[in-house]
Every structure is written in C-alpha cells, then in structure tokens.
C-alpha cells in the first residue's frame, strides 16, 4: 500500500478552496459575475464561518486587466479594489453581497507582498472558498495566489511574532499588527475571534506556510521557532516598517475613493440601518444618486423615529 504524499501549502490551500458552499452562495456568485464580469470569485468572511445567509456575503471578483484610461479606471489601478453592493433574488429569498473587484494580475502582486498593501494577504491567509472560475487554468492561478498570501503572512508573522511559541501566538501577533496598521474598525480582540473559529486550521497552516516561504523551523511539541536568516529578518522588518507607516494613509485614501465610487452605497447603508436600528427608510432616487449628501438627513430621520 502506498502512503499519501505529504501535505504541502499548495495542497492545503487547494483543498480548502475546493470545499463546497451552500448552493445559494454559488448561485449568488454566478449572478455577480453575470453583472460585473470576471475570471474568478472568492468567498470569504463571516458568513463563510457562520452560514448565516441573512447577513452580507463577502465576495472578491478577480477580473481581466483593464485597458481603460477613464478617471475611475485610473483610480482603481492605484486604489483597488472597487466595491459594490448587490441584492440578488433567488426564489423567495433575497441574498445581499458586498463585492470587491480587482484585476487578477493586481491580486497576484498583492498576495506576494510586492505592494505596500497588507489587506489582501492578511485576508486570504484566512479561510476562503473558490466558488466560481472561468476555466481550470484560472483556477490553478488563483490557488497559487492564495497560497502566496499564506506564505507572505507567515513570513511577516515569523518576524513580528515571538522568538518561539505556538502557531496561535504567531497568528495573533500578525493580526494585531496588521489591524493596527490598516485603520480597522474591529473591536479589540477580533484577532482571537478569527483564530477561535478553527484554531486547528491555523495550527496546521503555519508550518506549511513557513515552508512555502522558504523558512525552516524547530518544533518541540506545540512550541515552534522559525529559523530566520539575519539578513532576511532585517529586510522583513524594514518592509513592515514601510507598510506600518503607509497603511493608515492608504486606507484613508481608499475610503475617500469609496465615498464616490461605491456602487449601491445607499442601498447598503439603508439596509444596515434597518438591520441594526429597526428603522426602515425608503430608497429614493435622490438618496441612491447622492448617498453622501443624503447621509445627514437619513441619520436625522433615524434619530427622530427612534426618539418618538
């Protein structure tokens, strides 16, 4: 009897991305591609963990490169991704999805750590599912890209984490640092919630991701110690210094861009308000065209309604 080949980072990621999802989620992904175009759709976020279809699905749609020189296309090249909100009717159910869109080529550069962005490789070191691709060649490219995301995250975790510790110690150190650099709105302790969902998954991933990044390690039970080359460690620290100082400004610039380019922002905002406050306000044509200008009036209506 032949034994199974040892697991690698690539096989770990391929198996995880191929895990089945709720058919309604797969149908929503296909509808998003019909509306936006694209080569592949990645599904991630809280609903991947909880299965609660009453929330907002998180999709990343990876697209072919654009040749456009419009102002919006130029903004997207510099401040990806584009974000849109979609309501998708499937029989008697309405699914809601927040969709980030970016070129596959850009995604590949980002997960390899070749940009100052930290959000992409941090996000896709976490669980995800590949719910639709245009063809097997694209699928293989996306699997490799997500494996690169884990390797990039593990490389920074080795430098930013303790000299030795459990796999979770390294992931906690990494997520604390990246959340701090990214101007995130999550409450303190969010990094523990991420690990608590499937701690064994992160325990298994770290050694494989270190191997994928070319980093060896020593193990004594659950205690791990990465074997870091001094020059590589200094280079990673210098790379992190740059990303830490640029991260908040980069995210502020993205928020400003999103204020003017978030398709469906008014629908998304009104739905969130109703979900969290119980106040239902109509989506008027003016609110849909001018979500920023409409925001103060919407907030006043919510306050007035709840104070009655």
C-alpha atoms as a PDB file:
ATOM      1  CA  UNK A   1       0.000   0.000   0.000  1.00  0.00           C
ATOM      2  CA  UNK A   2       1.379   3.396  -0.971  1.00  0.00           C
ATOM      3  CA  UNK A   3       1.118   6.182   1.577  1.00  0.00           C
ATOM      4  CA  UNK A   4      -0.443   9.534   0.739  1.00  0.00           C
ATOM      5  CA  UNK A   5       2.050  12.216  -0.280  1.00  0.00           C
ATOM      6  CA  UNK A   6       2.916  14.704   2.472  1.00  0.00           C
ATOM      7  CA  UNK A   7       0.720  17.778   2.573  1.00  0.00           C
ATOM      8  CA  UNK A   8       2.155  20.975   1.156  1.00  0.00           C
ATOM      9  CA  UNK A   9       0.996  24.567   1.377  1.00  0.00           C
ATOM     10  CA  UNK A  10      -0.378  24.338  -2.161  1.00  0.00           C
ATOM     11  CA  UNK A  11      -2.353  21.140  -1.484  1.00  0.00           C
ATOM     12  CA  UNK A  12      -3.668  22.561   1.813  1.00  0.00           C
ATOM     13  CA  UNK A  13      -4.929  25.702   0.066  1.00  0.00           C
ATOM     14  CA  UNK A  14      -6.330  23.759  -2.902  1.00  0.00           C
ATOM     15  CA  UNK A  15      -8.345  21.501  -0.602  1.00  0.00           C
ATOM     16  CA  UNK A  16      -9.665  24.419   1.422  1.00  0.00           C
ATOM     17  CA  UNK A  17     -10.662  26.497  -1.603  1.00  0.00           C
ATOM     18  CA  UNK A  18     -12.439  23.494  -3.150  1.00  0.00           C
ATOM     19  CA  UNK A  19     -14.658  22.878  -0.116  1.00  0.00           C
ATOM     20  CA  UNK A  20     -18.358  23.003  -1.116  1.00  0.00           C
ATOM     21  CA  UNK A  21     -20.508  26.004  -0.186  1.00  0.00           C
ATOM     22  CA  UNK A  22     -24.261  26.446   0.120  1.00  0.00           C
ATOM     23  CA  UNK A  23     -25.780  26.240  -3.393  1.00  0.00           C
ATOM     24  CA  UNK A  24     -27.413  29.642  -2.807  1.00  0.00           C
ATOM     25  CA  UNK A  25     -23.964  31.204  -2.301  1.00  0.00           C
ATOM     26  CA  UNK A  26     -22.668  29.615  -5.510  1.00  0.00           C
ATOM     27  CA  UNK A  27     -25.742  30.905  -7.376  1.00  0.00           C
ATOM     28  CA  UNK A  28     -25.181  34.401  -5.974  1.00  0.00           C
ATOM     29  CA  UNK A  29     -21.556  34.300  -7.143  1.00  0.00           C
ATOM     30  CA  UNK A  30     -22.634  33.378 -10.668  1.00  0.00           C
ATOM     31  CA  UNK A  31     -25.115  36.265 -10.701  1.00  0.00           C
ATOM     32  CA  UNK A  32     -22.428  38.700  -9.534  1.00  0.00           C
ATOM     33  CA  UNK A  33     -20.173  37.538 -12.378  1.00  0.00           C
ATOM     34  CA  UNK A  34     -23.050  37.992 -14.819  1.00  0.00           C
ATOM     35  CA  UNK A  35     -23.406  41.601 -13.664  1.00  0.00           C
ATOM     36  CA  UNK A  36     -19.752  42.544 -13.296  1.00  0.00           C
ATOM     37  CA  UNK A  37     -17.785  40.115 -15.438  1.00  0.00           C
ATOM     38  CA  UNK A  38     -14.716  38.395 -14.037  1.00  0.00           C
ATOM     39  CA  UNK A  39     -12.444  35.370 -14.155  1.00  0.00           C
ATOM     40  CA  UNK A  40     -12.938  34.033 -10.621  1.00  0.00           C
ATOM     41  CA  UNK A  41     -14.933  34.600  -7.439  1.00  0.00           C
ATOM     42  CA  UNK A  42     -13.548  34.067  -3.948  1.00  0.00           C
ATOM     43  CA  UNK A  43     -15.935  33.869  -0.993  1.00  0.00           C
ATOM     44  CA  UNK A  44     -14.674  34.782   2.477  1.00  0.00           C
ATOM     45  CA  UNK A  45     -15.719  36.494   5.694  1.00  0.00           C
ATOM     46  CA  UNK A  46     -18.186  35.916   8.492  1.00  0.00           C
ATOM     47  CA  UNK A  47     -20.850  34.011   6.533  1.00  0.00           C
ATOM     48  CA  UNK A  48     -18.246  31.508   5.361  1.00  0.00           C
ATOM     49  CA  UNK A  49     -17.743  30.806   9.071  1.00  0.00           C
ATOM     50  CA  UNK A  50     -21.355  31.013  10.288  1.00  0.00           C
ATOM     51  CA  UNK A  51     -23.511  30.101   7.281  1.00  0.00           C
ATOM     52  CA  UNK A  52     -25.961  32.908   8.178  1.00  0.00           C
ATOM     53  CA  UNK A  53     -27.486  33.852   4.817  1.00  0.00           C
ATOM     54  CA  UNK A  54     -29.393  36.755   6.380  1.00  0.00           C
ATOM     55  CA  UNK A  55     -26.139  38.705   6.600  1.00  0.00           C
ATOM     56  CA  UNK A  56     -23.997  40.142   3.790  1.00  0.00           C
ATOM     57  CA  UNK A  57     -21.951  37.764   1.645  1.00  0.00           C
ATOM     58  CA  UNK A  58     -18.349  38.840   1.028  1.00  0.00           C
ATOM     59  CA  UNK A  59     -17.050  38.167  -2.479  1.00  0.00           C
ATOM     60  CA  UNK A  60     -13.813  39.058  -4.243  1.00  0.00           C
ATOM     61  CA  UNK A  61     -14.263  39.089  -8.014  1.00  0.00           C
ATOM     62  CA  UNK A  62     -10.978  38.827  -9.924  1.00  0.00           C
ATOM     63  CA  UNK A  63     -11.119  40.341 -13.396  1.00  0.00           C
ATOM     64  CA  UNK A  64      -9.030  40.534 -16.570  1.00  0.00           C
ATOM     65  CA  UNK A  65      -6.713  43.561 -16.850  1.00  0.00           C
ATOM     66  CA  UNK A  66      -8.397  46.760 -17.966  1.00  0.00           C
ATOM     67  CA  UNK A  67      -7.172  48.883 -20.852  1.00  0.00           C
ATOM     68  CA  UNK A  68      -9.398  51.822 -19.964  1.00  0.00           C
ATOM     69  CA  UNK A  69      -7.915  55.245 -19.174  1.00  0.00           C
ATOM     70  CA  UNK A  70     -11.066  56.667 -17.609  1.00  0.00           C
ATOM     71  CA  UNK A  71     -10.686  58.502 -14.261  1.00  0.00           C
ATOM     72  CA  UNK A  72     -12.357  55.612 -12.458  1.00  0.00           C
ATOM     73  CA  UNK A  73     -10.082  53.031 -14.096  1.00  0.00           C
ATOM     74  CA  UNK A  74      -7.020  55.072 -13.142  1.00  0.00           C
ATOM     75  CA  UNK A  75      -8.273  55.338  -9.555  1.00  0.00           C
ATOM     76  CA  UNK A  76      -8.787  51.582  -9.477  1.00  0.00           C
ATOM     77  CA  UNK A  77      -5.229  50.946 -10.648  1.00  0.00           C
ATOM     78  CA  UNK A  78      -3.900  52.990  -7.736  1.00  0.00           C
ATOM     79  CA  UNK A  79      -6.535  52.356  -5.035  1.00  0.00           C
ATOM     80  CA  UNK A  80      -8.016  48.907  -5.570  1.00  0.00           C
ATOM     81  CA  UNK A  81     -10.426  47.303  -5.073  1.00  0.00           C
ATOM     82  CA  UNK A  82     -13.692  48.707  -6.398  1.00  0.00           C
ATOM     83  CA  UNK A  83     -16.604  47.925  -4.059  1.00  0.00           C
ATOM     84  CA  UNK A  84     -20.284  47.400  -4.846  1.00  0.00           C
ATOM     85  CA  UNK A  85     -23.388  46.157  -3.062  1.00  0.00           C
ATOM     86  CA  UNK A  86     -25.828  43.741  -4.674  1.00  0.00           C
ATOM     87  CA  UNK A  87     -29.231  42.343  -3.815  1.00  0.00           C
ATOM     88  CA  UNK A  88     -29.824  39.016  -5.537  1.00  0.00           C
ATOM     89  CA  UNK A  89     -33.253  37.380  -5.740  1.00  0.00           C
ATOM     90  CA  UNK A  90     -33.155  33.577  -5.587  1.00  0.00           C
ATOM     91  CA  UNK A  91     -36.695  32.228  -5.471  1.00  0.00           C
ATOM     92  CA  UNK A  92     -38.352  33.606  -2.345  1.00  0.00           C
ATOM     93  CA  UNK A  93     -35.027  34.672  -0.788  1.00  0.00           C
ATOM     94  CA  UNK A  94     -33.024  37.878  -1.223  1.00  0.00           C
ATOM     95  CA  UNK A  95     -29.279  37.464  -0.724  1.00  0.00           C
ATOM     96  CA  UNK A  96     -27.129  40.521  -0.172  1.00  0.00           C
ATOM     97  CA  UNK A  97     -23.489  40.706  -1.176  1.00  0.00           C
ATOM     98  CA  UNK A  98     -20.673  43.201  -0.771  1.00  0.00           C
ATOM     99  CA  UNK A  99     -18.359  42.672  -3.712  1.00  0.00           C
ATOM    100  CA  UNK A 100     -14.751  43.795  -4.072  1.00  0.00           C
ATOM    101  CA  UNK A 101     -13.446  43.767  -7.642  1.00  0.00           C
ATOM    102  CA  UNK A 102      -9.837  43.908  -8.782  1.00  0.00           C
ATOM    103  CA  UNK A 103      -7.721  42.572 -11.660  1.00  0.00           C
ATOM    104  CA  UNK A 104      -6.288  39.114 -11.121  1.00  0.00           C
ATOM    105  CA  UNK A 105      -2.808  40.400 -12.045  1.00  0.00           C
ATOM    106  CA  UNK A 106      -3.019  43.007  -9.272  1.00  0.00           C
ATOM    107  CA  UNK A 107      -4.286  40.407  -6.805  1.00  0.00           C
ATOM    108  CA  UNK A 108      -1.265  38.218  -7.582  1.00  0.00           C
ATOM    109  CA  UNK A 109       1.180  41.089  -6.963  1.00  0.00           C
ATOM    110  CA  UNK A 110      -0.563  41.980  -3.697  1.00  0.00           C
ATOM    111  CA  UNK A 111      -0.565  38.460  -2.223  1.00  0.00           C
ATOM    112  CA  UNK A 112       3.134  38.114  -2.995  1.00  0.00           C
ATOM    113  CA  UNK A 113       3.821  41.213  -0.883  1.00  0.00           C
ATOM    114  CA  UNK A 114       5.052  43.211  -3.863  1.00  0.00           C
ATOM    115  CA  UNK A 115       2.905  46.207  -2.901  1.00  0.00           C
ATOM    116  CA  UNK A 116       2.742  48.210   0.345  1.00  0.00           C
ATOM    117  CA  UNK A 117      -0.777  46.886   0.939  1.00  0.00           C
ATOM    118  CA  UNK A 118      -1.317  44.430   3.798  1.00  0.00           C
ATOM    119  CA  UNK A 119      -5.047  43.821   3.451  1.00  0.00           C
ATOM    120  CA  UNK A 120      -5.040  41.220   0.675  1.00  0.00           C
ATOM    121  CA  UNK A 121      -2.510  38.739   2.033  1.00  0.00           C
ATOM    122  CA  UNK A 122      -3.855  39.155   5.568  1.00  0.00           C
ATOM    123  CA  UNK A 123      -7.423  38.480   4.428  1.00  0.00           C
ATOM    124  CA  UNK A 124      -6.588  35.460   2.282  1.00  0.00           C
ATOM    125  CA  UNK A 125      -4.357  33.824   4.862  1.00  0.00           C
ATOM    126  CA  UNK A 126      -7.758  33.285   6.498  1.00  0.00           C
ATOM    127  CA  UNK A 127     -10.289  30.719   5.229  1.00  0.00           C
ATOM    128  CA  UNK A 128     -11.836  31.273   1.800  1.00  0.00           C
ATOM    129  CA  UNK A 129     -13.645  29.302  -0.887  1.00  0.00           C
ATOM    130  CA  UNK A 130     -13.184  29.499  -4.630  1.00  0.00           C
ATOM    131  CA  UNK A 131     -16.822  29.378  -5.711  1.00  0.00           C
ATOM    132  CA  UNK A 132     -16.504  30.093  -9.446  1.00  0.00           C
ATOM    133  CA  UNK A 133     -13.776  30.272 -12.096  1.00  0.00           C
ATOM    134  CA  UNK A 134     -13.830  30.764 -15.834  1.00  0.00           C
ATOM    135  CA  UNK A 135     -11.601  27.746 -16.524  1.00  0.00           C
ATOM    136  CA  UNK A 136      -9.135  25.343 -14.855  1.00  0.00           C
ATOM    137  CA  UNK A 137      -6.113  27.482 -15.774  1.00  0.00           C
ATOM    138  CA  UNK A 138      -7.566  30.463 -13.927  1.00  0.00           C
ATOM    139  CA  UNK A 139      -8.490  28.194 -11.008  1.00  0.00           C
ATOM    140  CA  UNK A 140      -4.899  26.954 -10.698  1.00  0.00           C
ATOM    141  CA  UNK A 141      -3.598  30.516 -10.807  1.00  0.00           C
ATOM    142  CA  UNK A 142      -5.969  31.616  -8.017  1.00  0.00           C
ATOM    143  CA  UNK A 143      -4.981  28.624  -5.863  1.00  0.00           C
ATOM    144  CA  UNK A 144      -1.297  29.565  -6.243  1.00  0.00           C
ATOM    145  CA  UNK A 145      -2.104  33.186  -5.415  1.00  0.00           C
ATOM    146  CA  UNK A 146      -3.931  32.273  -2.198  1.00  0.00           C
ATOM    147  CA  UNK A 147      -1.010  30.016  -1.241  1.00  0.00           C
ATOM    148  CA  UNK A 148       1.280  33.022  -1.749  1.00  0.00           C
ATOM    149  CA  UNK A 149      -0.984  35.039   0.578  1.00  0.00           C
ATOM    150  CA  UNK A 150      -0.460  32.475   3.354  1.00  0.00           C
ATOM    151  CA  UNK A 151       3.306  32.376   2.731  1.00  0.00           C
ATOM    152  CA  UNK A 152       3.577  36.177   2.811  1.00  0.00           C
ATOM    153  CA  UNK A 153       1.546  36.346   6.031  1.00  0.00           C
ATOM    154  CA  UNK A 154       3.671  33.607   7.613  1.00  0.00           C
ATOM    155  CA  UNK A 155       6.893  35.392   6.654  1.00  0.00           C
ATOM    156  CA  UNK A 156       5.781  38.565   8.432  1.00  0.00           C
ATOM    157  CA  UNK A 157       4.444  36.515  11.370  1.00  0.00           C
ATOM    158  CA  UNK A 158       7.867  34.911  11.847  1.00  0.00           C
ATOM    159  CA  UNK A 159       9.463  38.344  12.213  1.00  0.00           C
ATOM    160  CA  UNK A 160       6.681  40.116  14.114  1.00  0.00           C
ATOM    161  CA  UNK A 161       5.907  37.211  16.442  1.00  0.00           C
ATOM    162  CA  UNK A 162       7.834  35.798  19.413  1.00  0.00           C
ATOM    163  CA  UNK A 163      11.197  34.061  19.192  1.00  0.00           C
ATOM    164  CA  UNK A 164       9.323  30.858  19.880  1.00  0.00           C
ATOM    165  CA  UNK A 165       5.742  29.987  20.723  1.00  0.00           C
ATOM    166  CA  UNK A 166       2.639  28.214  19.479  1.00  0.00           C
ATOM    167  CA  UNK A 167       1.272  28.730  15.990  1.00  0.00           C
ATOM    168  CA  UNK A 168      -1.537  30.792  17.503  1.00  0.00           C
ATOM    169  CA  UNK A 169       0.983  33.107  19.173  1.00  0.00           C
ATOM    170  CA  UNK A 170       2.390  33.945  15.738  1.00  0.00           C
ATOM    171  CA  UNK A 171      -1.021  34.466  14.099  1.00  0.00           C
ATOM    172  CA  UNK A 172      -2.198  36.651  16.996  1.00  0.00           C
ATOM    173  CA  UNK A 173       0.918  38.801  16.741  1.00  0.00           C
ATOM    174  CA  UNK A 174       0.456  39.152  12.993  1.00  0.00           C
ATOM    175  CA  UNK A 175      -3.236  40.074  13.077  1.00  0.00           C
ATOM    176  CA  UNK A 176      -2.723  42.578  15.906  1.00  0.00           C
ATOM    177  CA  UNK A 177      -0.021  44.323  13.907  1.00  0.00           C
ATOM    178  CA  UNK A 178      -1.891  44.341  10.609  1.00  0.00           C
ATOM    179  CA  UNK A 179      -5.156  45.534  12.156  1.00  0.00           C
ATOM    180  CA  UNK A 180      -3.241  48.360  13.826  1.00  0.00           C
ATOM    181  CA  UNK A 181      -1.602  49.320  10.538  1.00  0.00           C
ATOM    182  CA  UNK A 182      -4.794  49.154   8.464  1.00  0.00           C
ATOM    183  CA  UNK A 183      -7.038  51.583  10.373  1.00  0.00           C
ATOM    184  CA  UNK A 184      -9.540  48.818  11.014  1.00  0.00           C
ATOM    185  CA  UNK A 185     -12.810  49.358  12.888  1.00  0.00           C
ATOM    186  CA  UNK A 186     -12.952  45.943  14.544  1.00  0.00           C
ATOM    187  CA  UNK A 187     -13.218  45.886  18.324  1.00  0.00           C
ATOM    188  CA  UNK A 188     -10.139  44.783  20.296  1.00  0.00           C
ATOM    189  CA  UNK A 189      -9.850  41.017  20.373  1.00  0.00           C
ATOM    190  CA  UNK A 190     -11.022  40.496  16.800  1.00  0.00           C
ATOM    191  CA  UNK A 191      -7.864  38.515  16.064  1.00  0.00           C
ATOM    192  CA  UNK A 192      -8.814  35.995  18.768  1.00  0.00           C
ATOM    193  CA  UNK A 193     -12.268  35.558  17.252  1.00  0.00           C
ATOM    194  CA  UNK A 194     -10.710  34.710  13.886  1.00  0.00           C
ATOM    195  CA  UNK A 195      -8.484  32.034  15.399  1.00  0.00           C
ATOM    196  CA  UNK A 196     -11.213  30.672  17.677  1.00  0.00           C
ATOM    197  CA  UNK A 197     -13.411  29.704  14.731  1.00  0.00           C
ATOM    198  CA  UNK A 198     -10.980  26.989  13.588  1.00  0.00           C
ATOM    199  CA  UNK A 199      -7.771  27.015  15.651  1.00  0.00           C
ATOM    200  CA  UNK A 200      -6.607  23.657  14.313  1.00  0.00           C
ATOM    201  CA  UNK A 201      -6.684  25.066  10.800  1.00  0.00           C
ATOM    202  CA  UNK A 202      -4.266  27.859  11.726  1.00  0.00           C
ATOM    203  CA  UNK A 203      -2.067  25.439  13.696  1.00  0.00           C
ATOM    204  CA  UNK A 204      -1.704  23.245  10.617  1.00  0.00           C
ATOM    205  CA  UNK A 205      -1.241  26.130   8.197  1.00  0.00           C
ATOM    206  CA  UNK A 206       1.691  27.948   9.809  1.00  0.00           C
ATOM    207  CA  UNK A 207       4.427  25.301   9.347  1.00  0.00           C
ATOM    208  CA  UNK A 208       3.258  24.663   5.787  1.00  0.00           C
ATOM    209  CA  UNK A 209       3.250  28.402   5.044  1.00  0.00           C
ATOM    210  CA  UNK A 210       6.716  28.817   6.532  1.00  0.00           C
ATOM    211  CA  UNK A 211       7.942  26.016   4.299  1.00  0.00           C
ATOM    212  CA  UNK A 212       6.267  27.712   1.329  1.00  0.00           C
ATOM    213  CA  UNK A 213       8.079  30.946   2.222  1.00  0.00           C
ATOM    214  CA  UNK A 214      11.412  29.114   2.478  1.00  0.00           C
ATOM    215  CA  UNK A 215      11.579  29.397   6.287  1.00  0.00           C
ATOM    216  CA  UNK A 216      12.574  26.377   8.339  1.00  0.00           C
ATOM    217  CA  UNK A 217      11.563  25.867  11.948  1.00  0.00           C
ATOM    218  CA  UNK A 218      12.266  23.850  15.081  1.00  0.00           C
ATOM    219  CA  UNK A 219       9.432  22.134  16.918  1.00  0.00           C
ATOM    220  CA  UNK A 220       9.137  20.901  20.490  1.00  0.00           C
ATOM    221  CA  UNK A 221       5.568  19.703  20.933  1.00  0.00           C
ATOM    222  CA  UNK A 222       3.352  22.708  20.154  1.00  0.00           C
ATOM    223  CA  UNK A 223       6.252  25.142  20.551  1.00  0.00           C
ATOM    224  CA  UNK A 224       7.647  26.420  17.263  1.00  0.00           C
ATOM    225  CA  UNK A 225      10.689  28.555  16.493  1.00  0.00           C
ATOM    226  CA  UNK A 226      11.303  29.859  12.963  1.00  0.00           C
ATOM    227  CA  UNK A 227      14.866  29.619  11.663  1.00  0.00           C
ATOM    228  CA  UNK A 228      15.356  33.115  10.301  1.00  0.00           C
ATOM    229  CA  UNK A 229      18.334  34.288   8.310  1.00  0.00           C
ATOM    230  CA  UNK A 230      19.514  37.535   9.926  1.00  0.00           C
ATOM    231  CA  UNK A 231      19.631  39.470   6.658  1.00  0.00           C
ATOM    232  CA  UNK A 232      16.173  38.250   5.631  1.00  0.00           C
ATOM    233  CA  UNK A 233      14.808  39.120   9.078  1.00  0.00           C
ATOM    234  CA  UNK A 234      16.144  42.688   8.797  1.00  0.00           C
ATOM    235  CA  UNK A 235      14.682  43.023   5.302  1.00  0.00           C
ATOM    236  CA  UNK A 236      11.266  41.838   6.518  1.00  0.00           C
ATOM    237  CA  UNK A 237      11.375  44.304   9.431  1.00  0.00           C
ATOM    238  CA  UNK A 238      12.217  47.113   7.031  1.00  0.00           C
ATOM    239  CA  UNK A 239       9.375  46.071   4.737  1.00  0.00           C
ATOM    240  CA  UNK A 240       6.993  46.031   7.688  1.00  0.00           C
ATOM    241  CA  UNK A 241       8.152  49.490   8.849  1.00  0.00           C
ATOM    242  CA  UNK A 242       7.139  50.903   5.466  1.00  0.00           C
ATOM    243  CA  UNK A 243       3.773  49.144   5.436  1.00  0.00           C
ATOM    244  CA  UNK A 244       3.005  50.127   9.018  1.00  0.00           C
ATOM    245  CA  UNK A 245       3.535  53.813   8.284  1.00  0.00           C
ATOM    246  CA  UNK A 246       1.775  53.818   4.929  1.00  0.00           C
ATOM    247  CA  UNK A 247      -1.149  51.571   5.879  1.00  0.00           C
ATOM    248  CA  UNK A 248      -3.459  54.081   7.549  1.00  0.00           C
ATOM    249  CA  UNK A 249      -2.930  56.708   4.838  1.00  0.00           C
ATOM    250  CA  UNK A 250      -3.576  54.105   2.155  1.00  0.00           C
ATOM    251  CA  UNK A 251      -6.827  53.060   3.819  1.00  0.00           C
ATOM    252  CA  UNK A 252      -7.937  56.679   4.240  1.00  0.00           C
ATOM    253  CA  UNK A 253      -7.357  57.212   0.511  1.00  0.00           C
ATOM    254  CA  UNK A 254      -9.419  54.098  -0.238  1.00  0.00           C
ATOM    255  CA  UNK A 255     -12.246  55.322   1.971  1.00  0.00           C
ATOM    256  CA  UNK A 256     -12.293  58.661   0.141  1.00  0.00           C
ATOM    257  CA  UNK A 257     -12.367  56.853  -3.196  1.00  0.00           C
ATOM    258  CA  UNK A 258     -15.135  54.518  -1.981  1.00  0.00           C
ATOM    259  CA  UNK A 259     -17.248  57.501  -0.932  1.00  0.00           C
ATOM    260  CA  UNK A 260     -17.524  58.425  -4.616  1.00  0.00           C
ATOM    261  CA  UNK A 261     -17.365  55.005  -6.316  1.00  0.00           C
ATOM    262  CA  UNK A 262     -19.161  52.530  -4.016  1.00  0.00           C
ATOM    263  CA  UNK A 263     -21.944  51.275  -6.269  1.00  0.00           C
ATOM    264  CA  UNK A 264     -25.060  50.595  -4.221  1.00  0.00           C
ATOM    265  CA  UNK A 265     -23.784  52.527  -1.192  1.00  0.00           C
ATOM    266  CA  UNK A 266     -27.220  53.968  -0.382  1.00  0.00           C
ATOM    267  CA  UNK A 267     -28.940  50.557  -0.558  1.00  0.00           C
ATOM    268  CA  UNK A 268     -26.237  49.041   1.614  1.00  0.00           C
ATOM    269  CA  UNK A 269     -26.396  51.850   4.169  1.00  0.00           C
ATOM    270  CA  UNK A 270     -30.192  51.786   4.463  1.00  0.00           C
ATOM    271  CA  UNK A 271     -30.202  48.012   4.840  1.00  0.00           C
ATOM    272  CA  UNK A 272     -27.541  48.214   7.579  1.00  0.00           C
ATOM    273  CA  UNK A 273     -29.526  50.902   9.373  1.00  0.00           C
ATOM    274  CA  UNK A 274     -32.692  48.818   9.310  1.00  0.00           C
ATOM    275  CA  UNK A 275     -30.833  45.706  10.467  1.00  0.00           C
ATOM    276  CA  UNK A 276     -29.181  47.484  13.397  1.00  0.00           C
ATOM    277  CA  UNK A 277     -31.830  50.071  14.387  1.00  0.00           C
ATOM    278  CA  UNK A 278     -35.112  48.607  13.133  1.00  0.00           C
ATOM    279  CA  UNK A 279     -35.854  51.840  11.227  1.00  0.00           C
ATOM    280  CA  UNK A 280     -36.824  51.236   7.574  1.00  0.00           C
ATOM    281  CA  UNK A 281     -36.345  54.209   5.240  1.00  0.00           C
ATOM    282  CA  UNK A 282     -37.208  54.190   1.529  1.00  0.00           C
ATOM    283  CA  UNK A 283     -34.504  54.220  -1.122  1.00  0.00           C
ATOM    284  CA  UNK A 284     -35.418  57.359  -3.040  1.00  0.00           C
ATOM    285  CA  UNK A 285     -33.782  58.180  -6.389  1.00  0.00           C
ATOM    286  CA  UNK A 286     -32.049  61.174  -4.765  1.00  0.00           C
ATOM    287  CA  UNK A 287     -30.627  59.052  -1.939  1.00  0.00           C
ATOM    288  CA  UNK A 288     -29.363  56.495  -4.448  1.00  0.00           C
ATOM    289  CA  UNK A 289     -27.663  59.145  -6.613  1.00  0.00           C
ATOM    290  CA  UNK A 290     -26.240  61.188  -3.700  1.00  0.00           C
ATOM    291  CA  UNK A 291     -25.556  58.874  -0.736  1.00  0.00           C
ATOM    292  CA  UNK A 292     -23.063  61.245   0.895  1.00  0.00           C
ATOM    293  CA  UNK A 293     -25.346  64.281   0.714  1.00  0.00           C
ATOM    294  CA  UNK A 294     -28.289  62.185   1.880  1.00  0.00           C
ATOM    295  CA  UNK A 295     -26.499  60.769   4.919  1.00  0.00           C
ATOM    296  CA  UNK A 296     -27.182  63.641   7.389  1.00  0.00           C
ATOM    297  CA  UNK A 297     -30.901  63.610   6.580  1.00  0.00           C
ATOM    298  CA  UNK A 298     -31.068  59.848   6.907  1.00  0.00           C
ATOM    299  CA  UNK A 299     -29.385  59.949  10.303  1.00  0.00           C
ATOM    300  CA  UNK A 300     -31.769  62.696  11.470  1.00  0.00           C
ATOM    301  CA  UNK A 301     -34.761  60.592  10.358  1.00  0.00           C
ATOM    302  CA  UNK A 302     -33.405  57.589  12.266  1.00  0.00           C
ATOM    303  CA  UNK A 303     -32.848  59.673  15.416  1.00  0.00           C
ATOM    304  CA  UNK A 304     -36.289  61.295  15.113  1.00  0.00           C
ATOM    305  CA  UNK A 305     -38.069  57.970  14.561  1.00  0.00           C
ATOM    306  CA  UNK A 306     -36.345  56.273  17.485  1.00  0.00           C
ATOM    307  CA  UNK A 307     -36.970  59.225  19.829  1.00  0.00           C
ATOM    308  CA  UNK A 308     -40.735  59.267  19.270  1.00  0.00           C
END
